[in-house]
Amino acid sequence: MQLLAGLKVIDFSKWLPGQYCGMLLGDYGADVLKLEDVTGDSTRAFFPEKEKGMSYWHLMLNRNKRGLALNIKTAGGQEILRRLLAEADIFLEGFRPGYLAHYGLDYASIQAINPCLIYCSITGFGQKSHNPAHDLNVIGLAGLNSLDDVGGACVSDVQVSAIGSSLNALSSICMALYARERSGVGQHLDVNLYATALSLQATGISSVWGCEETGVQPFGRTSHYYNIYRTKDGRYLTVGTIEPKFWRRFCQLINHKELAGRQYDFAHEQELEKLIAKEIVQKTLAEWLELIGEEEFCVTPVLTTAEALQSELTAQEGMVVTREEDLGRLRYITAPVKYSGTVSMINRRAPRLGEHTEEVLQELGYSAVEIAALREQGAI
C-alpha cells in the first residue's frame, strides 16, 4: 500500500506551488482531485504543448490527479465544492485572500461542515495582503535574486519561492495530519512565497546580522575557494573546496601549492580569484575532468539540463520514468524521496479539462438528470 493511500485531496490551485504539492501527494498515493474553472488553468496552454490544452508543464505537475471542471460563481458549483470538501482530508487553494469567502468557501465556512479538514492556502504574501505576485517578484522583494557579491541580479530557472512553498505546504500538511490524529480536528495553513523566500536565507541572514553587530566585512556567497570558474571552451567548473583538505588538493591540481595556506586570505580575495581563473581558463572542461578522474574533492562540472538528465547520477537515482499514454510517450521526473517500506508511483497522466467530472459527481450521489441540469446551468 502507498504511503498516503486513503487520503482525499482537493487541489484547487492554478499555479506551480499548489500543483507541485498536489503532485507529490498523488505520487505517494493520495486520491487527488484536480479542480479547475470551466475555462481551465492558464498553465494548460504554456509552451510547449503535447496537444492543445495539454502542455508539458500540465502533464508533469498534474499527473496522478483526476480532473473536474467547476464554476464556483454558480450556486450549483458552490454546492458541489462544499460536498467535496465535506468528505475531503486536504484542500489546496491558491487564490488571493478573501476570494473564496465571497462564495462561502473560506476556512471558517468549510470548518463548520468538516472540522477535520486540513485547509491549505498558498499565496504570494500571506492572508493580510491582496497583492498579486509570481516567483520573480517575490524573490526580488525578499533579496533572494541578488546572488553575487557586487549586487548583480539574476533570473533562476528554478522558481525558488514557488517550489519552496510547495515543499513547505507538503511538510505543513503532514504535520497537521499528525496533529489531527491526536486532536481529531484539522486547521488552516497559511503558506506564502515571501515567508518561504526569507526563510530559505536563514544562513545568509544570520551572517548579515552577525556582521552588523560585530562590524566585520560581510562575507558573500562566493570566495576564491567557493566559486564557479570558466574553462577554455566556455564551460564551467564549480569549486566547492570548503574543507581545508579539499582546498589543498585543488591547489595541487592547478599547480599552485603555495596557495594552500591562503584559504582564508580574504584581504586578497580578488587577487586570488583572478589567479585561479587564469589557471582554469587554460584547459577545456574535458581536460580538467580527465585530470580530476574519479577523485573526490568537490570540483565538478556545470552541466546543462540535458546533460544532467543523461548523467549517471540521474540514472542511479531512477529519477526519470517513461510511460506510454493515450497521447504518446511521456517522461516524468519522479518524486525525490525514497521510503524503505512504501513506493511512489505514477499511475495516471494529467487529466484533460473536466475529464472525470461525471465520474466524481456520480460518486457524490448526483443523478444523471442532476448532472445534465448542472451542465445546463453552466456549473460544470
Protein backbone atom coordinates (compact mmCIF):
# COMPACT_ATOMS: atom_id res chain seq x y z
CA MET A 1 0.00 0.00 0.00
CA GLN A 2 1.22 3.51 -0.80
CA LEU A 3 2.11 5.91 1.99
CA LEU A 4 -0.89 8.27 1.63
CA ALA A 5 -3.48 5.79 0.33
CA GLY A 6 -6.95 6.67 1.55
CA LEU A 7 -6.40 10.42 1.84
CA LYS A 8 -8.73 12.59 -0.24
CA VAL A 9 -7.21 15.80 -1.61
CA ILE A 10 -8.98 18.62 -3.45
CA ASP A 11 -6.36 20.57 -5.42
CA PHE A 12 -7.89 23.93 -6.39
CA SER A 13 -4.58 25.59 -7.19
CA LYS A 14 -3.89 27.25 -10.53
CA TRP A 15 -0.12 27.69 -10.39
CA LEU A 16 3.11 25.92 -9.56
CA PRO A 17 3.15 25.97 -5.72
CA GLY A 18 -0.11 24.13 -5.28
CA GLN A 19 0.23 21.99 -8.39
CA TYR A 20 3.63 20.65 -7.30
CA CYS A 21 2.41 19.93 -3.77
CA GLY A 22 -0.66 18.11 -5.13
CA MET A 23 1.58 16.16 -7.50
CA LEU A 24 3.70 14.85 -4.63
CA LEU A 25 0.64 13.94 -2.57
CA GLY A 26 -0.62 11.96 -5.57
CA ASP A 27 2.76 10.33 -6.18
CA TYR A 28 2.65 8.91 -2.66
CA GLY A 29 -0.85 7.51 -3.05
CA ALA A 30 -3.40 10.19 -2.10
CA ASP A 31 -6.58 10.41 -4.18
CA VAL A 32 -6.06 13.89 -5.67
CA LEU A 33 -8.86 15.66 -7.49
CA LYS A 34 -7.63 18.45 -9.77
CA LEU A 35 -10.31 21.13 -9.60
CA GLU A 36 -10.38 23.83 -12.30
CA ASP A 37 -12.62 26.57 -13.55
CA VAL A 38 -14.57 25.55 -16.67
CA THR A 39 -12.07 27.54 -18.77
CA GLY A 40 -9.12 25.58 -17.33
CA ASP A 41 -5.85 26.64 -15.72
CA SER A 42 -3.67 29.03 -17.70
CA THR A 43 -0.78 26.60 -17.35
CA ARG A 44 -2.55 24.17 -19.70
CA ALA A 45 -1.56 26.42 -22.60
CA PHE A 46 2.05 27.03 -21.56
CA PHE A 47 4.60 26.47 -24.34
CA PRO A 48 5.24 23.79 -25.49
CA GLU A 49 2.04 21.73 -25.68
CA LYS A 50 1.79 17.98 -26.31
CA GLU A 51 -1.65 18.69 -27.68
CA LYS A 52 -3.96 21.69 -27.28
CA GLY A 53 -4.71 22.27 -23.62
CA MET A 54 -2.19 19.64 -22.53
CA SER A 55 1.10 21.46 -22.03
CA TYR A 56 4.18 19.59 -20.88
CA TRP A 57 4.01 21.70 -17.71
CA HIS A 58 0.48 20.42 -17.04
CA LEU A 59 1.42 16.83 -17.87
CA MET A 60 4.30 16.88 -15.39
CA LEU A 61 2.65 18.68 -12.46
CA ASN A 62 -0.88 17.30 -12.63
CA ARG A 63 -0.15 13.59 -13.04
CA ASN A 64 -1.81 11.21 -10.61
CA LYS A 65 -4.85 13.50 -10.41
CA ARG A 66 -8.40 13.18 -11.64
CA GLY A 67 -9.91 16.27 -13.24
CA LEU A 68 -13.15 18.13 -12.53
CA ALA A 69 -14.19 21.44 -14.15
CA LEU A 70 -16.40 23.63 -11.98
CA ASN A 71 -17.81 27.16 -11.98
CA ILE A 72 -17.91 28.27 -8.34
CA LYS A 73 -19.63 31.52 -9.33
CA THR A 74 -22.83 29.46 -9.67
CA ALA A 75 -24.88 28.09 -6.80
CA GLY A 76 -24.57 24.60 -8.25
CA GLY A 77 -20.79 24.85 -8.46
CA GLN A 78 -20.54 26.07 -4.88
CA GLU A 79 -22.69 23.20 -3.66
CA ILE A 80 -20.52 20.65 -5.48
CA LEU A 81 -17.37 22.02 -3.86
CA ARG A 82 -18.98 22.02 -0.43
CA ARG A 83 -19.92 18.37 -0.87
CA LEU A 84 -16.39 17.55 -1.97
CA LEU A 85 -14.86 19.38 0.98
CA ALA A 86 -17.26 17.74 3.42
CA GLU A 87 -15.59 14.41 2.58
CA ALA A 88 -12.00 15.61 1.95
CA ASP A 89 -8.93 15.38 4.15
CA ILE A 90 -6.93 18.14 2.47
CA PHE A 91 -7.85 21.24 0.48
CA LEU A 92 -5.19 23.08 -1.53
CA GLU A 93 -6.11 26.54 -2.80
CA GLY A 94 -4.07 29.33 -4.33
CA PHE A 95 -6.47 32.27 -4.57
CA ARG A 96 -5.87 35.75 -3.21
CA PRO A 97 -7.10 36.19 0.39
CA GLY A 98 -10.84 36.75 0.60
CA TYR A 99 -11.75 35.44 -2.85
CA LEU A 100 -13.27 32.15 -1.74
CA ALA A 101 -15.07 33.90 1.13
CA HIS A 102 -17.25 35.65 -1.47
CA TYR A 103 -18.76 32.25 -2.24
CA GLY A 104 -18.94 30.90 1.29
CA LEU A 105 -15.94 28.65 0.70
CA ASP A 106 -13.47 30.17 3.16
CA TYR A 107 -11.94 28.18 6.00
CA ALA A 108 -14.43 29.27 8.66
CA SER A 109 -17.38 28.28 6.49
CA ILE A 110 -15.92 24.92 5.50
CA GLN A 111 -14.71 24.11 9.00
CA ALA A 112 -18.35 24.21 10.10
CA ILE A 113 -19.17 21.29 7.79
CA ASN A 114 -15.86 19.43 8.09
CA PRO A 115 -13.86 20.24 11.23
CA CYS A 116 -11.31 17.57 10.32
CA LEU A 117 -10.25 19.27 7.06
CA ILE A 118 -6.67 20.47 6.53
CA TYR A 119 -7.27 23.70 4.58
CA CYS A 120 -4.01 24.87 2.97
CA SER A 121 -3.85 28.34 1.39
CA ILE A 122 -0.81 29.24 -0.72
CA THR A 123 -0.44 32.94 -1.54
CA GLY A 124 2.23 35.44 -2.51
CA PHE A 125 2.35 37.39 0.74
CA GLY A 126 0.04 35.73 3.26
CA GLN A 127 -3.51 36.31 4.39
CA LYS A 128 -3.09 40.05 5.11
CA SER A 129 -2.05 41.06 1.59
CA HIS A 130 -4.06 41.06 -1.64
CA ASN A 131 -1.10 41.92 -3.88
CA PRO A 132 -0.51 39.61 -6.85
CA ALA A 133 2.97 38.20 -7.41
CA HIS A 134 4.96 35.47 -9.11
CA ASP A 135 8.24 33.93 -8.03
CA LEU A 136 10.41 36.58 -9.70
CA ASN A 137 8.60 39.40 -7.88
CA VAL A 138 8.76 37.62 -4.55
CA ILE A 139 12.43 36.72 -4.58
CA GLY A 140 13.27 40.28 -5.63
CA LEU A 141 11.40 41.68 -2.64
CA ALA A 142 12.99 39.10 -0.36
CA GLY A 143 16.53 39.89 -1.54
CA LEU A 144 16.96 36.42 -2.98
CA ASN A 145 17.90 37.18 -6.58
CA SER A 146 20.79 39.46 -5.70
CA LEU A 147 23.08 36.50 -5.97
CA ASP A 148 26.56 37.89 -6.47
CA ASP A 149 28.82 39.92 -4.27
CA VAL A 150 28.70 43.05 -6.41
CA GLY A 151 24.92 43.44 -6.34
CA GLY A 152 24.12 41.83 -9.67
CA ALA A 153 20.66 40.29 -10.07
CA CYS A 154 19.75 37.15 -11.97
CA VAL A 155 16.77 35.06 -13.00
CA SER A 156 16.93 31.43 -11.91
CA ASP A 157 15.47 28.59 -13.97
CA VAL A 158 14.24 27.21 -10.65
CA GLN A 159 11.27 29.09 -9.21
CA VAL A 160 12.75 29.05 -5.75
CA SER A 161 9.99 30.59 -3.64
CA ALA A 162 7.30 28.65 -5.52
CA ILE A 163 8.90 25.21 -5.19
CA GLY A 164 9.99 26.06 -1.66
CA SER A 165 6.38 26.92 -0.80
CA SER A 166 5.23 23.63 -2.33
CA LEU A 167 7.54 21.76 0.00
CA ASN A 168 6.54 23.93 2.96
CA ALA A 169 2.91 23.16 2.16
CA LEU A 170 3.64 19.44 1.94
CA SER A 171 5.51 19.32 5.25
CA SER A 172 2.88 21.51 6.95
CA ILE A 173 0.08 19.27 5.70
CA CYS A 174 1.87 16.18 7.04
CA MET A 175 2.39 17.85 10.44
CA ALA A 176 -1.25 18.96 10.52
CA LEU A 177 -2.37 15.42 9.70
CA TYR A 178 -0.25 14.13 12.58
CA ALA A 179 -1.78 16.75 14.90
CA ARG A 180 -5.24 15.71 13.69
CA GLU A 181 -4.52 12.13 14.73
CA ARG A 182 -4.20 13.36 18.31
CA SER A 183 -6.76 16.18 18.41
CA GLY A 184 -9.34 14.95 15.91
CA VAL A 185 -9.57 18.37 14.24
CA GLY A 186 -7.95 19.98 11.22
CA GLN A 187 -6.67 23.51 10.80
CA HIS A 188 -5.94 26.31 8.35
CA LEU A 189 -2.41 26.50 6.94
CA ASP A 190 -1.17 29.88 5.71
CA VAL A 191 1.76 29.21 3.34
CA ASN A 192 3.17 32.11 1.36
CA LEU A 193 6.01 32.61 -1.09
CA TYR A 194 7.50 35.66 0.61
CA ALA A 195 7.87 34.00 4.01
CA THR A 196 9.35 30.97 2.26
CA ALA A 197 11.88 33.12 0.37
CA LEU A 198 13.03 34.78 3.58
CA SER A 199 13.23 31.51 5.50
CA LEU A 200 15.40 29.96 2.78
CA GLN A 201 18.00 32.62 3.53
CA ALA A 202 18.38 31.68 7.20
CA THR A 203 22.16 31.24 7.00
CA GLY A 204 22.72 34.36 4.90
CA ILE A 205 20.52 36.47 7.16
CA SER A 206 22.36 35.22 10.23
CA SER A 207 25.61 36.37 8.61
CA VAL A 208 24.13 39.81 7.82
CA TRP A 209 23.06 40.27 11.43
CA GLY A 210 26.39 38.97 12.70
CA CYS A 211 28.31 41.43 10.54
CA GLU A 212 26.07 44.30 11.66
CA GLU A 213 26.70 43.52 15.31
CA THR A 214 30.42 42.80 15.08
CA GLY A 215 31.31 45.38 12.44
CA VAL A 216 33.18 42.89 10.27
CA GLN A 217 33.05 42.92 6.48
CA PRO A 218 30.15 40.84 5.14
CA PHE A 219 31.23 37.53 3.64
CA GLY A 220 29.41 36.82 0.39
CA ARG A 221 28.13 33.58 -1.02
CA THR A 222 31.30 33.20 -3.09
CA SER A 223 35.01 33.27 -2.38
CA HIS A 224 38.14 32.13 -4.19
CA TYR A 225 37.69 28.60 -2.81
CA TYR A 226 33.91 28.50 -3.34
CA ASN A 227 33.12 29.77 -6.80
CA ILE A 228 32.44 29.00 -10.46
CA TYR A 229 35.28 29.33 -12.98
CA ARG A 230 35.18 29.46 -16.77
CA THR A 231 37.16 26.90 -18.78
CA LYS A 232 38.98 27.32 -22.10
CA ASP A 233 35.99 26.08 -24.13
CA GLY A 234 33.46 28.35 -22.43
CA ARG A 235 32.20 25.71 -19.99
CA TYR A 236 32.39 25.99 -16.20
CA LEU A 237 33.78 24.22 -13.16
CA THR A 238 32.29 24.56 -9.70
CA VAL A 239 34.93 24.75 -6.99
CA GLY A 240 33.37 24.00 -3.59
CA THR A 241 36.52 23.34 -1.61
CA ILE A 242 35.28 24.43 1.82
CA GLU A 243 37.16 21.73 3.72
CA PRO A 244 40.89 22.56 4.04
CA LYS A 245 41.90 19.11 2.73
CA PHE A 246 39.88 19.72 -0.45
CA TRP A 247 41.32 23.20 -0.84
CA ARG A 248 44.87 21.84 -0.56
CA ARG A 249 44.15 19.20 -3.21
CA PHE A 250 42.70 21.86 -5.51
CA CYS A 251 45.84 23.95 -5.13
CA GLN A 252 47.85 20.92 -6.26
CA LEU A 253 45.53 20.42 -9.22
CA ILE A 254 46.12 23.96 -10.52
CA ASN A 255 49.89 23.78 -9.75
CA HIS A 256 49.80 26.42 -7.03
CA LYS A 257 50.71 24.54 -3.87
CA GLU A 258 51.85 27.83 -2.36
CA LEU A 259 48.19 28.88 -2.02
CA ALA A 260 47.40 26.04 0.39
CA GLY A 261 47.86 28.27 3.43
CA ARG A 262 45.83 31.16 1.99
CA GLN A 263 42.36 29.63 2.01
CA TYR A 264 41.07 32.30 4.38
CA ASP A 265 43.08 35.20 2.98
CA PHE A 266 40.03 37.35 2.36
CA ALA A 267 42.11 40.53 2.31
CA HIS A 268 43.39 39.44 -1.12
CA GLU A 269 40.16 37.84 -2.33
CA GLN A 270 40.07 39.42 -5.80
CA GLU A 271 43.73 38.71 -6.42
CA LEU A 272 43.27 35.03 -5.59
CA GLU A 273 40.12 34.71 -7.70
CA LYS A 274 41.91 36.22 -10.72
CA LEU A 275 44.86 33.88 -10.26
CA ILE A 276 42.63 30.80 -10.11
CA ALA A 277 40.51 31.99 -13.03
CA LYS A 278 43.68 32.46 -15.10
CA GLU A 279 44.67 28.84 -14.42
CA ILE A 280 41.24 27.28 -15.02
CA VAL A 281 40.80 29.01 -18.38
CA GLN A 282 43.98 27.33 -19.69
CA LYS A 283 42.22 23.97 -20.14
CA THR A 284 38.91 22.75 -21.52
CA LEU A 285 36.28 21.24 -19.27
CA ALA A 286 37.07 17.77 -20.63
CA GLU A 287 40.77 18.24 -19.86
CA TRP A 288 40.04 19.27 -16.28
CA LEU A 289 37.69 16.31 -15.79
CA GLU A 290 40.35 13.96 -17.11
CA LEU A 291 42.82 15.36 -14.59
CA ILE A 292 40.33 15.02 -11.75
CA GLY A 293 39.34 11.50 -12.76
CA GLU A 294 37.50 9.58 -10.04
CA GLU A 295 38.99 11.69 -7.27
CA GLU A 296 36.52 13.24 -4.82
CA PHE A 297 37.28 16.75 -3.66
CA CYS A 298 34.28 18.92 -4.60
CA VAL A 299 35.43 20.18 -8.00
CA THR A 300 32.74 19.30 -10.53
CA PRO A 301 31.40 20.43 -13.92
CA VAL A 302 28.42 22.69 -14.52
CA LEU A 303 26.12 20.57 -16.67
CA THR A 304 23.28 21.64 -18.90
CA THR A 305 19.84 20.32 -18.00
CA ALA A 306 20.03 17.89 -20.93
CA GLU A 307 23.41 16.61 -19.72
CA ALA A 308 22.14 16.23 -16.15
CA LEU A 309 19.20 14.14 -17.36
CA GLN A 310 21.63 11.80 -19.13
CA SER A 311 24.06 11.59 -16.23
CA GLU A 312 24.97 8.54 -14.18
CA LEU A 313 23.68 10.25 -11.05
CA THR A 314 20.20 10.67 -12.54
CA ALA A 315 20.16 7.06 -13.70
CA GLN A 316 21.43 5.89 -10.32
CA GLU A 317 18.58 7.66 -8.55
CA GLY A 318 15.98 6.41 -11.02
CA MET A 319 14.68 9.94 -11.39
CA VAL A 320 13.37 9.67 -14.97
CA VAL A 321 10.38 7.45 -15.76
CA THR A 322 8.85 6.94 -19.22
CA ARG A 323 5.24 5.90 -19.73
CA GLU A 324 3.21 5.20 -22.84
CA GLU A 325 -0.05 7.10 -22.57
CA ASP A 326 -3.02 7.53 -24.88
CA LEU A 327 -1.44 10.72 -26.20
CA GLY A 328 2.00 9.19 -26.74
CA ARG A 329 5.22 8.81 -24.78
CA LEU A 330 5.53 10.92 -21.65
CA ARG A 331 8.60 11.34 -19.47
CA TYR A 332 8.43 12.29 -15.81
CA ILE A 333 10.78 13.37 -13.05
CA THR A 334 9.78 11.12 -10.16
CA ALA A 335 9.20 12.01 -6.51
CA PRO A 336 12.62 12.62 -4.92
CA VAL A 337 12.28 10.84 -1.56
CA LYS A 338 12.52 7.07 -1.25
CA TYR A 339 10.92 5.13 1.60
CA SER A 340 12.04 1.68 2.70
CA GLY A 341 8.51 0.37 3.19
CA THR A 342 6.46 2.13 0.51
CA VAL A 343 6.92 3.47 -3.00
CA SER A 344 5.86 6.48 -5.03
CA MET A 345 4.13 5.67 -8.31
CA ILE A 346 2.86 7.41 -11.41
CA ASN A 347 -0.44 5.72 -12.12
CA ARG A 348 -2.22 8.16 -14.41
CA ARG A 349 -1.45 11.03 -16.74
CA ALA A 350 -2.69 14.56 -16.06
CA PRO A 351 -6.39 14.94 -16.84
CA ARG A 352 -7.93 16.70 -19.78
CA LEU A 353 -10.13 19.58 -18.69
CA GLY A 354 -13.07 18.14 -16.75
CA GLU A 355 -12.18 14.61 -17.79
CA HIS A 356 -13.58 13.00 -14.64
CA THR A 357 -16.39 15.44 -13.87
CA GLU A 358 -19.26 12.97 -14.30
CA GLU A 359 -17.38 10.20 -12.50
CA VAL A 360 -16.76 12.44 -9.48
CA LEU A 361 -20.31 13.78 -9.37
CA GLN A 362 -21.72 10.26 -9.51
CA GLU A 363 -19.51 9.36 -6.53
CA LEU A 364 -21.05 12.33 -4.69
CA GLY A 365 -24.53 10.95 -5.39
CA TYR A 366 -25.63 13.18 -8.25
CA SER A 367 -28.03 11.54 -10.70
CA ALA A 368 -27.73 11.73 -14.48
CA VAL A 369 -30.64 14.19 -14.54
CA GLU A 370 -28.96 16.42 -11.92
CA ILE A 371 -25.66 16.34 -13.80
CA ALA A 372 -27.40 17.35 -17.01
CA ALA A 373 -29.07 20.23 -15.18
CA LEU A 374 -25.73 21.40 -13.79
CA ARG A 375 -24.32 21.47 -17.31
CA GLU A 376 -27.31 23.46 -18.49
CA GLN A 377 -26.73 25.98 -15.67
CA GLY A 378 -23.02 26.32 -16.54
CA ALA A 379 -21.99 24.99 -13.14
CA ILE A 380 -19.82 22.29 -14.75
